[in-house]
Amino acid sequence: MTSRPTFLLSLALSLAACQTDGQVDTDGNGSSDAAYDTVFDNTVVHRLDIVIDAADYAAMQADLDGLYGGGGGGPGGPETSEDPMYVAADISLDGETLDAVGMRYKGNSSLRTLYQQGNRKKPFRLNMDKMADEYPETDGQELLGFEELTFSPNYMDDSQLHEAFAAELFASFGVASARWAFTEVYVDTGSGAEYWGLYTMIEDPSDNPFRQRVFSDDDGNMYKPESTWASFAESEFEKKTNESEADFSDVQAAVSALNASQSDPAAWRAELESVVDVDAFVSWLAMNTVMKNWDVYGTIAHNYYLYGDPLDDGRLVWVPWDHNEALLDRSGPGPGGGDLTATEEIFHTTVSATSWPLIAKILADDVYADVYEAEVQRATTGLFEEQAAVARLEELHALIAPSVAAEQSGSMTISSQSAFETSVDELADHIRSRHALVEEALDGR
């Protein structure tokens, strides 16, 4: 292994410190007035009660039939980009009640698969004033300062911890990350409250509190892209804020700068850094790679947000999203390709600049490559250090065990209770294997 220049390691650590202390607020509330310490207290399991009119619930199921076809357990239809319908629901979160809240199912493959299985434990979101046209009194309605909340059923996750622990890892690493809390969900669709199971309640990055907490300013452009950045297409950058303004100049400039000639590396870096917070992306990429995450940029062009931070000249900041396929061991093609050596997997040396230019072009630059290498090494410390990680996972496992044990067939996403009970041991094995892979990759540099 070639020795890493000390100044580059110091640079990477100082950049990360700047992100944690200045740009992003990973633990506190920033300038947000939302009740984070109440809604996202992750030392307890919360309770959400939902009441949906029987006719509205039937309409929700018919809507899924129309989107996916085949009926509850049938073969299903093709994937669709159309969102499921909203219905009005009365809710109570730990006794804090709101009426006529907008509720709809959410998700892609997870929703489709759970629908086909006839599983009630589907992902959904709540929008507190979505039904204002029908119920004017709910206009501007918020739940303890939050307008939107999302609920993940922890699909494909016997531990029920991947979503939460990955978000916590990103936050501990200085990456802008949504807050979360475990929540038992009970739903009454006309026959009394039924337990839909344990969910991970997640902050919506497009909601004002997130932008106030993380960036101390909520006026910037927030995007939820489905783009590789190989070229710019307005349709691939869905606006979540300032939707009425048909101005995509920030993301267009970013894609253009990324794909410009790298014949003059210093000039290329300067232009890219003027429109993109490259350090934030490199930190995300390092932690995302070290933990291993499948359903993300580098494998598929979604599951991230971009925010043009007004307090940083509108530079775009990477915000990760949807971590249920993080921390997974899996065979077959994955991030970066199929059968990879340690160096190929950790340093993305086989990633094509045509397919995934944000990874390939940034890591092709010597300066960014050295910073990335230091960030990879840093990612194995802190919360992802083996003993620290296992201790935190054991703590979270104990917290949610009664809620998971109470789940019933048809409302669970674990494969079995015994699989849940041994899931922390499997995660510990995964973490050990990732540490060994990183060490092997660093030794091969």
Protein backbone atom coordinates (compact mmCIF):
# COMPACT_ATOMS: atom_id res chain seq x y z
CA MET A 1 0.00 0.00 0.00
CA THR A 2 1.39 3.39 -0.93
CA SER A 3 1.59 5.84 1.96
CA ARG A 4 -1.13 8.48 1.99
CA PRO A 5 0.16 12.06 2.25
CA THR A 6 -0.65 13.37 5.73
CA PHE A 7 -2.03 16.65 4.42
CA LEU A 8 -4.64 14.80 2.34
CA LEU A 9 -5.88 12.86 5.34
CA SER A 10 -6.04 16.09 7.33
CA LEU A 11 -7.91 17.72 4.45
CA ALA A 12 -10.51 14.96 4.37
CA LEU A 13 -11.04 15.08 8.12
CA SER A 14 -11.31 18.85 8.17
CA LEU A 15 -13.82 18.78 5.31
CA ALA A 16 -15.94 16.29 7.22
CA ALA A 17 -15.70 18.39 10.36
CA CYS A 18 -16.88 21.42 8.44
CA GLN A 19 -19.89 19.48 7.21
CA THR A 20 -20.81 18.36 10.70
CA ASP A 21 -20.21 21.69 12.44
CA GLY A 22 -21.28 24.12 9.76
CA GLN A 23 -23.30 22.99 6.81
CA VAL A 24 -25.34 20.15 8.18
CA ASP A 25 -26.96 19.63 11.56
CA THR A 26 -27.09 15.90 12.14
CA ASP A 27 -28.30 15.75 15.72
CA GLY A 28 -30.03 18.97 16.77
CA ASN A 29 -32.97 20.94 15.44
CA GLY A 30 -31.02 23.69 13.66
CA SER A 31 -33.29 26.68 13.18
CA SER A 32 -36.43 24.54 12.90
CA ASP A 33 -39.30 25.05 15.33
CA ALA A 34 -40.65 21.54 14.70
CA ALA A 35 -40.84 19.26 17.75
CA TYR A 36 -38.00 16.93 16.77
CA ASP A 37 -37.33 15.74 20.31
CA THR A 38 -40.95 14.58 20.55
CA VAL A 39 -41.72 13.22 17.08
CA PHE A 40 -38.29 11.72 16.40
CA ASP A 41 -37.35 10.55 19.87
CA ASN A 42 -35.70 7.26 18.91
CA THR A 43 -35.22 6.04 22.46
CA VAL A 44 -38.85 4.87 22.54
CA VAL A 45 -41.31 3.12 20.23
CA HIS A 46 -44.09 5.51 19.26
CA ARG A 47 -47.72 4.66 18.52
CA LEU A 48 -49.65 5.92 15.49
CA ASP A 49 -53.40 5.32 15.26
CA ILE A 50 -55.12 5.84 11.90
CA VAL A 51 -58.85 5.78 11.19
CA ILE A 52 -59.92 5.48 7.53
CA ASP A 53 -63.51 5.35 6.33
CA ALA A 54 -64.32 1.87 5.03
CA ALA A 55 -65.30 3.20 1.60
CA ASP A 56 -62.07 5.20 1.35
CA TYR A 57 -60.02 2.16 2.33
CA ALA A 58 -61.77 0.09 -0.33
CA ALA A 59 -60.94 2.83 -2.84
CA MET A 60 -57.27 2.68 -1.83
CA GLN A 61 -57.18 -1.05 -2.50
CA ALA A 62 -59.02 -0.67 -5.82
CA ASP A 63 -56.51 2.01 -6.77
CA LEU A 64 -53.64 -0.44 -6.15
CA ASP A 65 -55.47 -3.00 -8.26
CA GLY A 66 -55.54 -0.47 -11.07
CA LEU A 67 -51.85 0.35 -10.67
CA TYR A 68 -50.50 -3.17 -10.29
CA GLY A 69 -53.31 -5.50 -11.37
CA GLY A 70 -53.83 -9.11 -10.46
CA GLY A 71 -55.50 -8.68 -7.08
CA GLY A 72 -53.93 -9.02 -3.64
CA GLY A 73 -51.91 -12.18 -4.16
CA GLY A 74 -51.95 -12.34 -7.92
CA PRO A 75 -49.13 -12.06 -10.40
CA GLY A 76 -49.32 -8.26 -10.58
CA GLY A 77 -48.84 -5.96 -13.48
CA PRO A 78 -46.00 -3.85 -14.77
CA GLU A 79 -44.14 -1.25 -12.76
CA THR A 80 -45.80 2.16 -12.76
CA SER A 81 -44.55 5.67 -12.11
CA GLU A 82 -48.02 6.85 -11.05
CA ASP A 83 -48.48 7.57 -7.35
CA PRO A 84 -51.29 5.85 -5.44
CA MET A 85 -54.31 7.94 -4.43
CA TYR A 86 -54.70 10.01 -1.26
CA VAL A 87 -57.62 9.53 1.12
CA ALA A 88 -58.61 11.41 4.26
CA ALA A 89 -57.63 9.80 7.57
CA ASP A 90 -57.88 10.82 11.20
CA ILE A 91 -54.62 10.21 13.02
CA SER A 92 -53.17 10.23 16.51
CA LEU A 93 -49.43 10.08 17.16
CA ASP A 94 -48.79 9.41 20.84
CA GLY A 95 -52.05 11.18 21.61
CA GLU A 96 -51.49 14.19 19.32
CA THR A 97 -54.52 14.12 17.00
CA LEU A 98 -55.35 15.58 13.59
CA ASP A 99 -58.40 15.08 11.39
CA ALA A 100 -58.65 14.71 7.62
CA VAL A 101 -54.94 14.07 7.02
CA GLY A 102 -53.95 12.93 3.53
CA MET A 103 -52.71 9.33 3.46
CA ARG A 104 -51.44 7.30 0.53
CA TYR A 105 -49.29 4.29 -0.13
CA LYS A 106 -45.76 4.95 -1.38
CA GLY A 107 -42.82 3.04 -2.80
CA ASN A 108 -41.74 1.16 -5.90
CA SER A 109 -40.78 -2.51 -5.84
CA SER A 110 -41.50 -2.79 -2.12
CA LEU A 111 -45.08 -1.58 -2.49
CA ARG A 112 -45.69 -3.72 -5.55
CA THR A 113 -44.35 -6.88 -3.90
CA LEU A 114 -46.18 -6.35 -0.62
CA TYR A 115 -49.36 -5.68 -2.59
CA GLN A 116 -48.93 -8.95 -4.51
CA GLN A 117 -48.38 -10.80 -1.23
CA GLY A 118 -51.57 -9.37 0.24
CA ASN A 119 -49.46 -7.92 3.06
CA ARG A 120 -51.08 -5.07 4.98
CA LYS A 121 -47.69 -3.74 6.13
CA LYS A 122 -47.14 -1.48 3.13
CA PRO A 123 -45.12 1.75 2.99
CA PHE A 124 -47.17 4.93 3.24
CA ARG A 125 -46.93 8.67 3.76
CA LEU A 126 -48.99 11.27 5.61
CA ASN A 127 -49.51 14.81 4.33
CA MET A 128 -51.22 16.88 7.01
CA ASP A 129 -52.95 19.41 4.75
CA LYS A 130 -53.24 17.43 1.51
CA MET A 131 -57.04 17.30 1.80
CA ALA A 132 -57.49 21.07 2.22
CA ASP A 133 -59.54 21.38 -0.99
CA GLU A 134 -62.11 19.00 0.48
CA TYR A 135 -61.61 20.05 4.11
CA PRO A 136 -60.66 23.77 4.06
CA GLU A 137 -60.17 23.84 7.83
CA THR A 138 -57.05 21.66 7.38
CA ASP A 139 -55.25 24.18 5.18
CA GLY A 140 -51.77 24.68 6.64
CA GLN A 141 -52.33 21.90 9.17
CA GLU A 142 -49.17 20.44 10.74
CA LEU A 143 -48.37 17.74 13.25
CA LEU A 144 -46.06 19.29 15.84
CA GLY A 145 -44.45 21.37 13.10
CA PHE A 146 -44.31 18.64 10.43
CA GLU A 147 -46.40 18.75 7.28
CA GLU A 148 -45.29 15.36 5.93
CA LEU A 149 -44.09 12.09 7.45
CA THR A 150 -43.19 8.83 5.73
CA PHE A 151 -43.43 5.28 7.08
CA SER A 152 -41.17 2.42 5.98
CA PRO A 153 -42.27 -1.19 6.68
CA ASN A 154 -38.62 -2.34 6.66
CA TYR A 155 -39.15 -4.48 3.61
CA MET A 156 -36.65 -7.34 3.02
CA ASP A 157 -35.19 -6.73 6.47
CA ASP A 158 -35.26 -9.45 9.12
CA SER A 159 -33.59 -7.09 11.59
CA GLN A 160 -36.01 -4.18 10.96
CA LEU A 161 -32.94 -2.00 11.61
CA HIS A 162 -31.36 -1.32 8.20
CA GLU A 163 -33.28 1.86 7.45
CA ALA A 164 -32.72 3.39 10.87
CA PHE A 165 -29.10 2.33 11.39
CA ALA A 166 -28.00 3.43 7.92
CA ALA A 167 -29.57 6.85 8.47
CA GLU A 168 -27.81 7.06 11.82
CA LEU A 169 -24.49 6.10 10.21
CA PHE A 170 -24.84 8.83 7.59
CA ALA A 171 -25.71 11.42 10.22
CA SER A 172 -22.77 10.39 12.40
CA PHE A 173 -20.52 10.82 9.36
CA GLY A 174 -21.67 14.39 8.70
CA VAL A 175 -23.96 13.54 5.77
CA ALA A 176 -27.30 15.34 5.53
CA SER A 177 -29.72 12.64 6.64
CA ALA A 178 -33.36 12.36 7.65
CA ARG A 179 -34.30 11.76 11.28
CA TRP A 180 -36.22 8.59 12.19
CA ALA A 181 -38.09 6.83 14.98
CA PHE A 182 -39.72 3.42 15.39
CA THR A 183 -43.51 3.46 15.41
CA GLU A 184 -46.21 0.87 15.99
CA VAL A 185 -49.04 1.50 13.50
CA TYR A 186 -52.67 0.64 14.25
CA VAL A 187 -55.32 1.15 11.56
CA ASP A 188 -59.10 1.11 11.85
CA THR A 189 -60.81 0.68 8.47
CA GLY A 190 -64.26 0.07 9.91
CA SER A 191 -63.79 -3.02 12.07
CA GLY A 192 -61.72 -1.64 14.93
CA ALA A 193 -58.01 -0.95 15.29
CA GLU A 194 -55.73 -3.61 13.75
CA TYR A 195 -51.97 -3.78 14.24
CA TRP A 196 -50.23 -3.24 10.91
CA GLY A 197 -46.85 -3.76 12.52
CA LEU A 198 -43.66 -1.92 13.41
CA TYR A 199 -42.63 0.83 11.00
CA THR A 200 -39.73 3.24 10.81
CA MET A 201 -41.15 6.76 10.72
CA ILE A 202 -38.88 8.96 8.62
CA GLU A 203 -38.57 12.69 8.15
CA ASP A 204 -39.36 13.88 4.62
CA PRO A 205 -36.40 15.87 3.20
CA SER A 206 -38.78 17.93 1.08
CA ASP A 207 -40.60 19.17 4.20
CA ASN A 208 -39.63 22.60 5.57
CA PRO A 209 -38.33 21.36 8.96
CA PHE A 210 -35.63 19.24 7.31
CA ARG A 211 -34.31 22.16 5.30
CA GLN A 212 -34.41 24.45 8.33
CA ARG A 213 -32.72 21.88 10.56
CA VAL A 214 -29.99 20.86 8.16
CA PHE A 215 -29.38 24.03 6.16
CA SER A 216 -30.98 26.79 8.27
CA ASP A 217 -32.81 27.98 5.17
CA ASP A 218 -35.78 26.45 3.37
CA ASP A 219 -35.97 28.68 0.27
CA GLY A 220 -33.69 26.64 -2.00
CA ASN A 221 -34.55 24.18 -4.74
CA MET A 222 -35.13 20.63 -3.51
CA TYR A 223 -35.11 17.90 -6.16
CA LYS A 224 -35.90 14.20 -6.06
CA PRO A 225 -34.06 13.04 -9.18
CA GLU A 226 -34.11 9.87 -11.20
CA SER A 227 -30.98 10.68 -13.15
CA THR A 228 -27.53 9.21 -13.68
CA TRP A 229 -26.15 12.70 -14.48
CA ALA A 230 -24.85 11.40 -17.82
CA SER A 231 -26.90 14.15 -19.44
CA PHE A 232 -29.51 16.69 -18.37
CA ALA A 233 -33.21 16.07 -18.83
CA GLU A 234 -35.65 18.27 -16.96
CA SER A 235 -38.06 15.34 -16.52
CA GLU A 236 -35.41 13.48 -14.48
CA PHE A 237 -35.21 16.20 -11.81
CA GLU A 238 -38.57 16.38 -10.04
CA LYS A 239 -38.92 19.59 -8.10
CA LYS A 240 -40.15 19.32 -4.52
CA THR A 241 -39.91 23.05 -3.76
CA ASN A 242 -40.39 26.15 -5.90
CA GLU A 243 -42.39 23.97 -8.28
CA SER A 244 -44.04 26.94 -10.02
CA GLU A 245 -40.65 28.30 -11.06
CA ALA A 246 -39.54 26.56 -14.25
CA ASP A 247 -35.89 27.17 -13.40
CA PHE A 248 -33.61 24.14 -13.50
CA SER A 249 -30.44 26.12 -14.18
CA ASP A 250 -28.70 24.86 -11.04
CA VAL A 251 -28.98 21.15 -11.86
CA GLN A 252 -28.35 21.82 -15.54
CA ALA A 253 -25.14 23.65 -14.67
CA ALA A 254 -24.11 20.85 -12.33
CA VAL A 255 -24.56 18.12 -14.94
CA SER A 256 -22.74 20.25 -17.51
CA ALA A 257 -19.81 20.91 -15.17
CA LEU A 258 -19.49 17.24 -14.24
CA ASN A 259 -19.36 16.13 -17.85
CA ALA A 260 -16.97 18.84 -19.05
CA SER A 261 -13.45 17.94 -20.14
CA GLN A 262 -11.06 16.97 -17.34
CA SER A 263 -7.97 17.87 -19.37
CA ASP A 264 -7.34 20.73 -16.94
CA PRO A 265 -8.18 19.07 -13.60
CA ALA A 266 -7.88 22.20 -11.48
CA ALA A 267 -10.22 24.18 -13.72
CA TRP A 268 -12.65 21.24 -13.89
CA ARG A 269 -12.70 20.93 -10.10
CA ALA A 270 -13.22 24.66 -9.63
CA GLU A 271 -16.19 24.72 -12.02
CA LEU A 272 -17.77 21.62 -10.48
CA GLU A 273 -17.28 22.85 -6.93
CA SER A 274 -18.94 26.16 -7.79
CA VAL A 275 -22.24 24.34 -8.34
CA VAL A 276 -21.95 21.07 -6.38
CA ASP A 277 -20.83 20.34 -2.82
CA VAL A 278 -18.41 17.64 -3.97
CA ASP A 279 -17.10 17.01 -0.47
CA ALA A 280 -20.61 16.09 0.71
CA PHE A 281 -21.01 13.65 -2.18
CA VAL A 282 -17.61 12.06 -1.55
CA SER A 283 -18.45 11.58 2.14
CA TRP A 284 -21.78 9.99 1.24
CA LEU A 285 -20.12 7.72 -1.34
CA ALA A 286 -17.48 6.55 1.13
CA MET A 287 -19.92 5.63 3.91
CA ASN A 288 -22.44 4.21 1.44
CA THR A 289 -19.74 1.99 -0.07
CA VAL A 290 -18.27 0.83 3.21
CA MET A 291 -21.64 -0.22 4.67
CA LYS A 292 -22.78 -1.61 1.27
CA ASN A 293 -26.04 -0.32 -0.11
CA TRP A 294 -27.80 -1.81 -3.12
CA ASP A 295 -30.75 0.36 -4.11
CA VAL A 296 -28.84 3.61 -4.69
CA TYR A 297 -27.00 5.71 -7.26
CA GLY A 298 -24.38 3.44 -8.79
CA THR A 299 -26.90 0.65 -9.19
CA ILE A 300 -30.11 2.48 -10.00
CA ALA A 301 -30.72 6.18 -10.62
CA HIS A 302 -32.93 7.07 -7.67
CA ASN A 303 -33.15 7.25 -3.87
CA TYR A 304 -31.50 10.60 -3.36
CA TYR A 305 -32.47 14.25 -3.06
CA LEU A 306 -30.52 17.35 -4.05
CA TYR A 307 -30.79 20.66 -2.25
CA GLY A 308 -29.49 23.95 -3.59
CA ASP A 309 -28.32 25.53 -0.33
CA PRO A 310 -29.07 29.29 -0.44
CA LEU A 311 -26.50 29.92 2.29
CA ASP A 312 -23.80 28.28 0.17
CA ASP A 313 -24.35 30.10 -3.13
CA GLY A 314 -26.99 27.56 -4.15
CA ARG A 315 -24.50 24.68 -4.40
CA LEU A 316 -26.25 21.32 -4.66
CA VAL A 317 -25.95 19.02 -1.65
CA TRP A 318 -26.51 15.25 -1.85
CA VAL A 319 -29.19 13.93 0.54
CA PRO A 320 -29.47 10.10 0.73
CA TRP A 321 -32.87 8.42 0.92
CA ASP A 322 -34.43 4.95 1.39
CA HIS A 323 -31.97 2.61 3.10
CA ASN A 324 -33.90 -0.66 3.47
CA GLU A 325 -31.38 -2.40 1.17
CA ALA A 326 -28.34 -1.08 3.02
CA LEU A 327 -26.12 -3.38 5.10
CA LEU A 328 -27.09 -6.41 3.04
CA ASP A 329 -24.93 -9.32 1.95
CA ARG A 330 -26.14 -10.56 -1.39
CA SER A 331 -24.71 -12.57 -4.27
CA GLY A 332 -24.87 -11.54 -7.90
CA PRO A 333 -24.50 -8.17 -9.62
CA GLY A 334 -24.61 -5.19 -7.34
CA PRO A 335 -22.97 -1.82 -6.79
CA GLY A 336 -20.16 -1.58 -9.30
CA GLY A 337 -20.93 -4.85 -11.06
CA GLY A 338 -20.70 -8.57 -10.33
CA ASP A 339 -17.62 -10.47 -9.12
CA LEU A 340 -15.32 -7.71 -7.89
CA THR A 341 -12.00 -7.65 -6.08
CA ALA A 342 -11.79 -5.62 -2.87
CA THR A 343 -10.11 -2.73 -4.68
CA GLU A 344 -12.67 -2.79 -7.50
CA GLU A 345 -15.61 -2.77 -5.11
CA ILE A 346 -14.38 -0.23 -2.57
CA PHE A 347 -12.74 2.15 -5.04
CA HIS A 348 -15.25 1.68 -7.88
CA THR A 349 -12.51 1.13 -10.45
CA THR A 350 -14.84 -0.73 -12.82
CA VAL A 351 -17.62 1.88 -12.74
CA SER A 352 -18.27 3.41 -16.14
CA ALA A 353 -18.18 7.18 -16.61
CA THR A 354 -20.92 6.71 -19.18
CA SER A 355 -23.23 4.95 -16.75
CA TRP A 356 -22.43 6.59 -13.40
CA PRO A 357 -20.40 9.75 -14.07
CA LEU A 358 -20.71 11.21 -10.57
CA ILE A 359 -18.75 8.27 -9.21
CA ALA A 360 -16.39 7.58 -12.09
CA LYS A 361 -15.44 11.15 -12.99
CA ILE A 362 -14.97 12.32 -9.42
CA LEU A 363 -12.83 9.32 -8.46
CA ALA A 364 -10.81 9.67 -11.70
CA ASP A 365 -9.52 12.97 -10.32
CA ASP A 366 -6.39 12.46 -8.21
CA VAL A 367 -7.30 15.06 -5.59
CA TYR A 368 -10.80 13.72 -5.04
CA ALA A 369 -9.54 10.13 -5.13
CA ASP A 370 -7.16 10.82 -2.24
CA VAL A 371 -9.88 12.52 -0.22
CA TYR A 372 -12.21 9.59 -0.92
CA GLU A 373 -9.56 7.12 0.25
CA ALA A 374 -9.23 8.98 3.54
CA GLU A 375 -13.00 9.09 3.91
CA VAL A 376 -13.24 5.33 3.34
CA GLN A 377 -10.76 4.82 6.14
CA ARG A 378 -12.68 7.22 8.39
CA ALA A 379 -15.94 5.38 7.65
CA THR A 380 -14.66 2.30 9.53
CA THR A 381 -14.32 4.34 12.72
CA GLY A 382 -16.90 6.04 14.92
CA LEU A 383 -20.34 4.43 14.85
CA PHE A 384 -19.30 1.89 12.20
CA GLU A 385 -16.37 0.68 14.29
CA GLU A 386 -17.23 -2.95 14.93
CA GLN A 387 -17.87 -2.89 18.68
CA ALA A 388 -19.70 0.45 18.57
CA ALA A 389 -21.91 -0.70 15.70
CA VAL A 390 -22.85 -4.01 17.32
CA ALA A 391 -23.58 -2.35 20.65
CA ARG A 392 -25.92 0.14 18.98
CA LEU A 393 -27.64 -2.58 16.96
CA GLU A 394 -28.18 -4.68 20.07
CA GLU A 395 -29.67 -1.66 21.83
CA LEU A 396 -32.09 -0.99 18.97
CA HIS A 397 -32.95 -4.69 18.64
CA ALA A 398 -33.93 -4.86 22.32
CA LEU A 399 -36.04 -1.72 21.93
CA ILE A 400 -38.17 -3.07 19.08
CA ALA A 401 -38.30 -6.77 20.01
CA PRO A 402 -41.74 -6.62 21.73
CA SER A 403 -43.22 -4.71 18.77
CA VAL A 404 -41.88 -7.24 16.28
CA ALA A 405 -43.05 -10.18 18.39
CA ALA A 406 -46.58 -8.74 18.36
CA GLU A 407 -46.80 -8.76 14.55
CA GLN A 408 -49.14 -11.24 12.91
CA SER A 409 -48.96 -13.14 9.64
CA GLY A 410 -50.03 -10.88 6.80
CA SER A 411 -48.69 -7.81 8.61
CA MET A 412 -44.96 -8.46 8.83
CA THR A 413 -41.86 -8.09 6.69
CA ILE A 414 -39.57 -10.45 8.59
CA SER A 415 -39.24 -13.97 7.22
CA SER A 416 -39.65 -15.50 10.69
CA GLN A 417 -39.33 -14.65 14.35
CA SER A 418 -36.18 -16.76 14.59
CA ALA A 419 -34.66 -14.78 11.71
CA PHE A 420 -35.32 -11.58 13.64
CA GLU A 421 -33.75 -13.04 16.78
CA THR A 422 -30.47 -13.88 14.97
CA SER A 423 -30.42 -10.78 12.77
CA VAL A 424 -27.95 -8.79 14.86
CA ASP A 425 -25.45 -11.66 14.64
CA GLU A 426 -25.80 -11.55 10.85
CA LEU A 427 -25.34 -7.79 10.81
CA ALA A 428 -22.24 -8.18 13.00
CA ASP A 429 -20.84 -10.68 10.48
CA HIS A 430 -21.59 -8.22 7.68
CA ILE A 431 -19.82 -5.39 9.46
CA ARG A 432 -16.76 -7.56 10.12
CA SER A 433 -16.65 -8.60 6.47
CA ARG A 434 -16.88 -4.96 5.32
CA HIS A 435 -14.03 -3.96 7.61
CA ALA A 436 -11.91 -6.80 6.23
CA LEU A 437 -12.75 -5.82 2.66
CA VAL A 438 -11.84 -2.18 3.27
CA GLU A 439 -8.55 -3.17 4.90
CA GLU A 440 -7.74 -5.42 1.94
CA ALA A 441 -8.62 -2.65 -0.52
CA LEU A 442 -6.50 -0.07 1.32
CA ASP A 443 -3.57 -2.47 1.49
CA GLY A 444 -3.84 -2.95 -2.27
CA ARG A 445 -3.56 0.75 -3.06
